[in-house]
């Protein structure tokens, strides 16, 4: 697993998520550990290295 730190698009706090580098690119929803709002996360790995990461709010 790969731990990645980023800023929550809702509360702007720094949060971390564990990412699975065995999948090249994936998109999923995970709740912020601070404010509990859903974040759409899209990590991209190449040869087990994180080469791209995007986190955005989900309009409700």
PDB file of N, CA and C in Angstrom:
ATOM      1  N   UNK A   1       0.851  -1.192   0.000  1.00  0.00           N
ATOM      2  CA  UNK A   1       0.000   0.000   0.000  1.00  0.00           C
ATOM      3  C   UNK A   1       0.891   1.248   0.000  1.00  0.00           C
ATOM      4  N   UNK A   2       0.353   2.309  -0.515  1.00  0.00           N
ATOM      5  CA  UNK A   2       1.078   3.561  -0.671  1.00  0.00           C
ATOM      6  C   UNK A   2       0.286   4.653   0.056  1.00  0.00           C
ATOM      7  N   UNK A   3       0.902   5.315   1.033  1.00  0.00           N
ATOM      8  CA  UNK A   3       0.221   6.390   1.760  1.00  0.00           C
ATOM      9  C   UNK A   3       0.459   7.714   1.045  1.00  0.00           C
ATOM     10  N   UNK A   4      -0.644   8.419   0.767  1.00  0.00           N
ATOM     11  CA  UNK A   4      -0.561   9.699   0.060  1.00  0.00           C
ATOM     12  C   UNK A   4      -1.295  10.769   0.863  1.00  0.00           C
ATOM     13  N   UNK A   5      -0.656  11.913   1.029  1.00  0.00           N
ATOM     14  CA  UNK A   5      -1.239  13.049   1.752  1.00  0.00           C
ATOM     15  C   UNK A   5      -1.715  14.085   0.735  1.00  0.00           C
ATOM     16  N   UNK A   6      -2.898  14.660   0.995  1.00  0.00           N
ATOM     17  CA  UNK A   6      -3.443  15.693   0.119  1.00  0.00           C
ATOM     18  C   UNK A   6      -4.431  16.544   0.909  1.00  0.00           C
ATOM     19  N   UNK A   7      -4.906  17.623   0.297  1.00  0.00           N
ATOM     20  CA  UNK A   7      -5.830  18.542   0.954  1.00  0.00           C
ATOM     21  C   UNK A   7      -7.265  18.191   0.582  1.00  0.00           C
ATOM     22  N   UNK A   8      -8.131  18.056   1.590  1.00  0.00           N
ATOM     23  CA  UNK A   8      -9.537  17.748   1.360  1.00  0.00           C
ATOM     24  C   UNK A   8     -10.190  18.911   0.601  1.00  0.00           C
ATOM     25  N   UNK A   9     -10.959  18.611  -0.460  1.00  0.00           N
ATOM     26  CA  UNK A   9     -11.617  19.684  -1.216  1.00  0.00           C
ATOM     27  C   UNK A   9     -12.795  20.323  -0.488  1.00  0.00           C
ATOM     28  N   UNK A  10     -13.185  19.796   0.663  1.00  0.00           N
ATOM     29  CA  UNK A  10     -14.282  20.372   1.451  1.00  0.00           C
ATOM     30  C   UNK A  10     -13.760  21.217   2.614  1.00  0.00           C
ATOM     31  N   UNK A  11     -12.978  20.592   3.491  1.00  0.00           N
ATOM     32  CA  UNK A  11     -12.564  21.270   4.729  1.00  0.00           C
ATOM     33  C   UNK A  11     -11.140  21.823   4.651  1.00  0.00           C
ATOM     34  N   UNK A  12     -10.417  21.525   3.584  1.00  0.00           N
ATOM     35  CA  UNK A  12      -9.063  22.006   3.320  1.00  0.00           C
ATOM     36  C   UNK A  12      -8.019  21.491   4.312  1.00  0.00           C
ATOM     37  N   UNK A  13      -8.382  20.502   5.115  1.00  0.00           N
ATOM     38  CA  UNK A  13      -7.421  19.883   6.033  1.00  0.00           C
ATOM     39  C   UNK A  13      -6.566  18.884   5.249  1.00  0.00           C
ATOM     40  N   UNK A  14      -5.338  18.683   5.712  1.00  0.00           N
ATOM     41  CA  UNK A  14      -4.490  17.666   5.101  1.00  0.00           C
ATOM     42  C   UNK A  14      -4.929  16.297   5.618  1.00  0.00           C
ATOM     43  N   UNK A  15      -5.198  15.388   4.704  1.00  0.00           N
ATOM     44  CA  UNK A  15      -5.615  14.035   5.058  1.00  0.00           C
ATOM     45  C   UNK A  15      -4.717  13.054   4.306  1.00  0.00           C
ATOM     46  N   UNK A  16      -4.733  11.811   4.738  1.00  0.00           N
ATOM     47  CA  UNK A  16      -3.965  10.788   4.038  1.00  0.00           C
ATOM     48  C   UNK A  16      -4.877   9.635   3.676  1.00  0.00           C
ATOM     49  N   UNK A  17      -4.543   8.951   2.597  1.00  0.00           N
ATOM     50  CA  UNK A  17      -5.262   7.768   2.175  1.00  0.00           C
ATOM     51  C   UNK A  17      -4.247   6.720   1.767  1.00  0.00           C
ATOM     52  N   UNK A  18      -4.608   5.468   1.998  1.00  0.00           N
ATOM     53  CA  UNK A  18      -3.789   4.362   1.536  1.00  0.00           C
ATOM     54  C   UNK A  18      -4.258   3.980   0.138  1.00  0.00           C
ATOM     55  N   UNK A  19      -3.322   3.965  -0.805  1.00  0.00           N
ATOM     56  CA  UNK A  19      -3.638   3.671  -2.197  1.00  0.00           C
ATOM     57  C   UNK A  19      -3.001   2.344  -2.592  1.00  0.00           C
ATOM     58  N   UNK A  20      -3.655   1.623  -3.483  1.00  0.00           N
ATOM     59  CA  UNK A  20      -3.174   0.323  -3.939  1.00  0.00           C
ATOM     60  C   UNK A  20      -2.426   0.482  -5.262  1.00  0.00           C
ATOM     61  N   UNK A  21      -1.096   0.348  -5.255  1.00  0.00           N
ATOM     62  CA  UNK A  21      -0.326   0.538  -6.485  1.00  0.00           C
ATOM     63  C   UNK A  21      -0.418  -0.624  -7.468  1.00  0.00           C
ATOM     64  N   UNK A  22      -1.087  -1.715  -7.101  1.00  0.00           N
ATOM     65  CA  UNK A  22      -1.187  -2.867  -8.002  1.00  0.00           C
ATOM     66  C   UNK A  22      -2.162  -2.628  -9.157  1.00  0.00           C
ATOM     67  N   UNK A  23      -2.984  -1.570  -9.051  1.00  0.00           N
ATOM     68  CA  UNK A  23      -3.917  -1.200 -10.118  1.00  0.00           C
ATOM     69  C   UNK A  23      -3.408   0.094 -10.738  1.00  0.00           C
ATOM     70  N   UNK A  24      -3.166   0.088 -12.041  1.00  0.00           N
ATOM     71  CA  UNK A  24      -2.582   1.248 -12.716  1.00  0.00           C
ATOM     72  C   UNK A  24      -3.356   2.537 -12.534  1.00  0.00           C
ATOM     73  N   UNK A  25      -4.656   2.498 -12.836  1.00  0.00           N
ATOM     74  CA  UNK A  25      -5.503   3.680 -12.654  1.00  0.00           C
ATOM     75  C   UNK A  25      -6.868   3.220 -12.176  1.00  0.00           C
ATOM     76  N   UNK A  26      -7.413   3.941 -11.222  1.00  0.00           N
ATOM     77  CA  UNK A  26      -8.717   3.607 -10.669  1.00  0.00           C
ATOM     78  C   UNK A  26      -9.398   4.877 -10.187  1.00  0.00           C
ATOM     79  N   UNK A  27     -10.707   4.833 -10.080  1.00  0.00           N
ATOM     80  CA  UNK A  27     -11.479   5.941  -9.529  1.00  0.00           C
ATOM     81  C   UNK A  27     -12.447   5.352  -8.520  1.00  0.00           C
ATOM     82  N   UNK A  28     -12.464   5.943  -7.337  1.00  0.00           N
ATOM     83  CA  UNK A  28     -13.381   5.467  -6.306  1.00  0.00           C
ATOM     84  C   UNK A  28     -13.708   6.617  -5.364  1.00  0.00           C
ATOM     85  N   UNK A  29     -14.661   6.382  -4.475  1.00  0.00           N
ATOM     86  CA  UNK A  29     -15.109   7.398  -3.525  1.00  0.00           C
ATOM     87  C   UNK A  29     -14.728   6.946  -2.124  1.00  0.00           C
ATOM     88  N   UNK A  30     -14.122   7.863  -1.382  1.00  0.00           N
ATOM     89  CA  UNK A  30     -13.758   7.594   0.009  1.00  0.00           C
ATOM     90  C   UNK A  30     -14.078   8.848   0.827  1.00  0.00           C
ATOM     91  N   UNK A  31     -14.544   8.658   2.057  1.00  0.00           N
ATOM     92  CA  UNK A  31     -14.892   9.792   2.912  1.00  0.00           C
ATOM     93  C   UNK A  31     -13.654  10.425   3.524  1.00  0.00           C
ATOM     94  N   UNK A  32     -13.690  11.749   3.680  1.00  0.00           N
ATOM     95  CA  UNK A  32     -12.622  12.470   4.360  1.00  0.00           C
ATOM     96  C   UNK A  32     -12.589  12.021   5.819  1.00  0.00           C
ATOM     97  N   UNK A  33     -11.404  11.766   6.345  1.00  0.00           N
ATOM     98  CA  UNK A  33     -11.283  11.320   7.738  1.00  0.00           C
ATOM     99  C   UNK A  33     -11.526  12.450   8.734  1.00  0.00           C
ATOM    100  N   UNK A  34     -11.571  13.703   8.264  1.00  0.00           N
ATOM    101  CA  UNK A  34     -11.802  14.846   9.145  1.00  0.00           C
ATOM    102  C   UNK A  34     -13.276  15.277   9.121  1.00  0.00           C
ATOM    103  N   UNK A  35     -13.800  15.578   7.919  1.00  0.00           N
ATOM    104  CA  UNK A  35     -15.159  16.125   7.822  1.00  0.00           C
ATOM    105  C   UNK A  35     -16.202  15.110   7.337  1.00  0.00           C
ATOM    106  N   UNK A  36     -15.778  13.927   6.949  1.00  0.00           N
ATOM    107  CA  UNK A  36     -16.651  12.819   6.531  1.00  0.00           C
ATOM    108  C   UNK A  36     -17.386  13.036   5.212  1.00  0.00           C
ATOM    109  N   UNK A  37     -17.034  14.055   4.444  1.00  0.00           N
ATOM    110  CA  UNK A  37     -17.645  14.260   3.136  1.00  0.00           C
ATOM    111  C   UNK A  37     -17.008  13.326   2.112  1.00  0.00           C
ATOM    112  N   UNK A  38     -17.781  12.903   1.087  1.00  0.00           N
ATOM    113  CA  UNK A  38     -17.250  11.981   0.086  1.00  0.00           C
ATOM    114  C   UNK A  38     -16.323  12.683  -0.911  1.00  0.00           C
ATOM    115  N   UNK A  39     -15.192  12.045  -1.180  1.00  0.00           N
ATOM    116  CA  UNK A  39     -14.204  12.581  -2.111  1.00  0.00           C
ATOM    117  C   UNK A  39     -14.009  11.554  -3.227  1.00  0.00           C
ATOM    118  N   UNK A  40     -14.095  12.007  -4.474  1.00  0.00           N
ATOM    119  CA  UNK A  40     -13.782  11.136  -5.600  1.00  0.00           C
ATOM    120  C   UNK A  40     -12.272  11.179  -5.812  1.00  0.00           C
ATOM    121  N   UNK A  41     -11.650  10.026  -5.701  1.00  0.00           N
ATOM    122  CA  UNK A  41     -10.196   9.915  -5.747  1.00  0.00           C
ATOM    123  C   UNK A  41      -9.791   9.150  -7.004  1.00  0.00           C
ATOM    124  N   UNK A  42      -8.820   9.703  -7.755  1.00  0.00           N
ATOM    125  CA  UNK A  42      -8.303   9.041  -8.948  1.00  0.00           C
ATOM    126  C   UNK A  42      -6.780   9.018  -8.886  1.00  0.00           C
ATOM    127  N   UNK A  43      -6.210   7.939  -8.339  1.00  0.00           N
ATOM    128  CA  UNK A  43      -4.752   7.798  -8.373  1.00  0.00           C
ATOM    129  C   UNK A  43      -4.323   7.078  -9.654  1.00  0.00           C
ATOM    130  N   UNK A  44      -3.119   7.388 -10.121  1.00  0.00           N
ATOM    131  CA  UNK A  44      -2.572   6.723 -11.299  1.00  0.00           C
ATOM    132  C   UNK A  44      -1.150   6.284 -10.978  1.00  0.00           C
ATOM    133  N   UNK A  45      -0.895   4.995 -11.146  1.00  0.00           N
ATOM    134  CA  UNK A  45       0.415   4.419 -10.864  1.00  0.00           C
ATOM    135  C   UNK A  45       1.052   3.910 -12.144  1.00  0.00           C
ATOM    136  N   UNK A  46       2.375   4.008 -12.175  1.00  0.00           N
ATOM    137  CA  UNK A  46       3.147   3.431 -13.265  1.00  0.00           C
ATOM    138  C   UNK A  46       4.355   2.757 -12.644  1.00  0.00           C
ATOM    139  N   UNK A  47       4.482   1.453 -12.845  1.00  0.00           N
ATOM    140  CA  UNK A  47       5.563   0.661 -12.253  1.00  0.00           C
ATOM    141  C   UNK A  47       5.631   0.863 -10.741  1.00  0.00           C
ATOM    142  N   UNK A  48       4.463   0.800 -10.089  1.00  0.00           N
ATOM    143  CA  UNK A  48       4.297   0.942  -8.634  1.00  0.00           C
ATOM    144  C   UNK A  48       4.700   2.303  -8.080  1.00  0.00           C
ATOM    145  N   UNK A  49       4.828   3.310  -8.926  1.00  0.00           N
ATOM    146  CA  UNK A  49       5.110   4.682  -8.491  1.00  0.00           C
ATOM    147  C   UNK A  49       3.904   5.551  -8.817  1.00  0.00           C
ATOM    148  N   UNK A  50       3.510   6.403  -7.873  1.00  0.00           N
ATOM    149  CA  UNK A  50       2.387   7.311  -8.083  1.00  0.00           C
ATOM    150  C   UNK A  50       2.808   8.404  -9.061  1.00  0.00           C
ATOM    151  N   UNK A  51       2.152   8.463 -10.222  1.00  0.00           N
ATOM    152  CA  UNK A  51       2.493   9.455 -11.243  1.00  0.00           C
ATOM    153  C   UNK A  51       1.391  10.493 -11.425  1.00  0.00           C
ATOM    154  N   UNK A  52       0.219  10.247 -10.838  1.00  0.00           N
ATOM    155  CA  UNK A  52      -0.874  11.206 -10.927  1.00  0.00           C
ATOM    156  C   UNK A  52      -1.865  10.984  -9.801  1.00  0.00           C
ATOM    157  N   UNK A  53      -2.455  12.076  -9.334  1.00  0.00           N
ATOM    158  CA  UNK A  53      -3.451  11.966  -8.260  1.00  0.00           C
ATOM    159  C   UNK A  53      -4.414  13.134  -8.377  1.00  0.00           C
ATOM    160  N   UNK A  54      -5.704  12.818  -8.316  1.00  0.00           N
ATOM    161  CA  UNK A  54      -6.730  13.863  -8.380  1.00  0.00           C
ATOM    162  C   UNK A  54      -7.798  13.535  -7.327  1.00  0.00           C
ATOM    163  N   UNK A  55      -8.147  14.529  -6.542  1.00  0.00           N
ATOM    164  CA  UNK A  55      -9.207  14.381  -5.541  1.00  0.00           C
ATOM    165  C   UNK A  55     -10.185  15.543  -5.730  1.00  0.00           C
ATOM    166  N   UNK A  56     -11.468  15.214  -5.877  1.00  0.00           N
ATOM    167  CA  UNK A  56     -12.454  16.274  -6.067  1.00  0.00           C
ATOM    168  C   UNK A  56     -13.695  16.007  -5.255  1.00  0.00           C
ATOM    169  N   UNK A  57     -14.408  17.087  -4.946  1.00  0.00           N
ATOM    170  CA  UNK A  57     -15.646  16.966  -4.191  1.00  0.00           C
ATOM    171  C   UNK A  57     -16.723  16.375  -5.082  1.00  0.00           C
ATOM    172  N   UNK A  58     -17.702  15.763  -4.466  1.00  0.00           N
ATOM    173  CA  UNK A  58     -18.840  15.214  -5.175  1.00  0.00           C
ATOM    174  C   UNK A  58     -20.029  16.102  -4.856  1.00  0.00           C
ATOM    175  N   UNK A  59     -20.521  16.778  -5.876  1.00  0.00           N
ATOM    176  CA  UNK A  59     -21.658  17.686  -5.660  1.00  0.00           C
ATOM    177  C   UNK A  59     -22.878  16.878  -5.261  1.00  0.00           C
ATOM    178  N   UNK A  60     -23.496  17.277  -4.157  1.00  0.00           N
ATOM    179  CA  UNK A  60     -24.658  16.553  -3.653  1.00  0.00           C
ATOM    180  C   UNK A  60     -25.903  17.398  -3.771  1.00  0.00           C
TER     181      UNK A  60
END
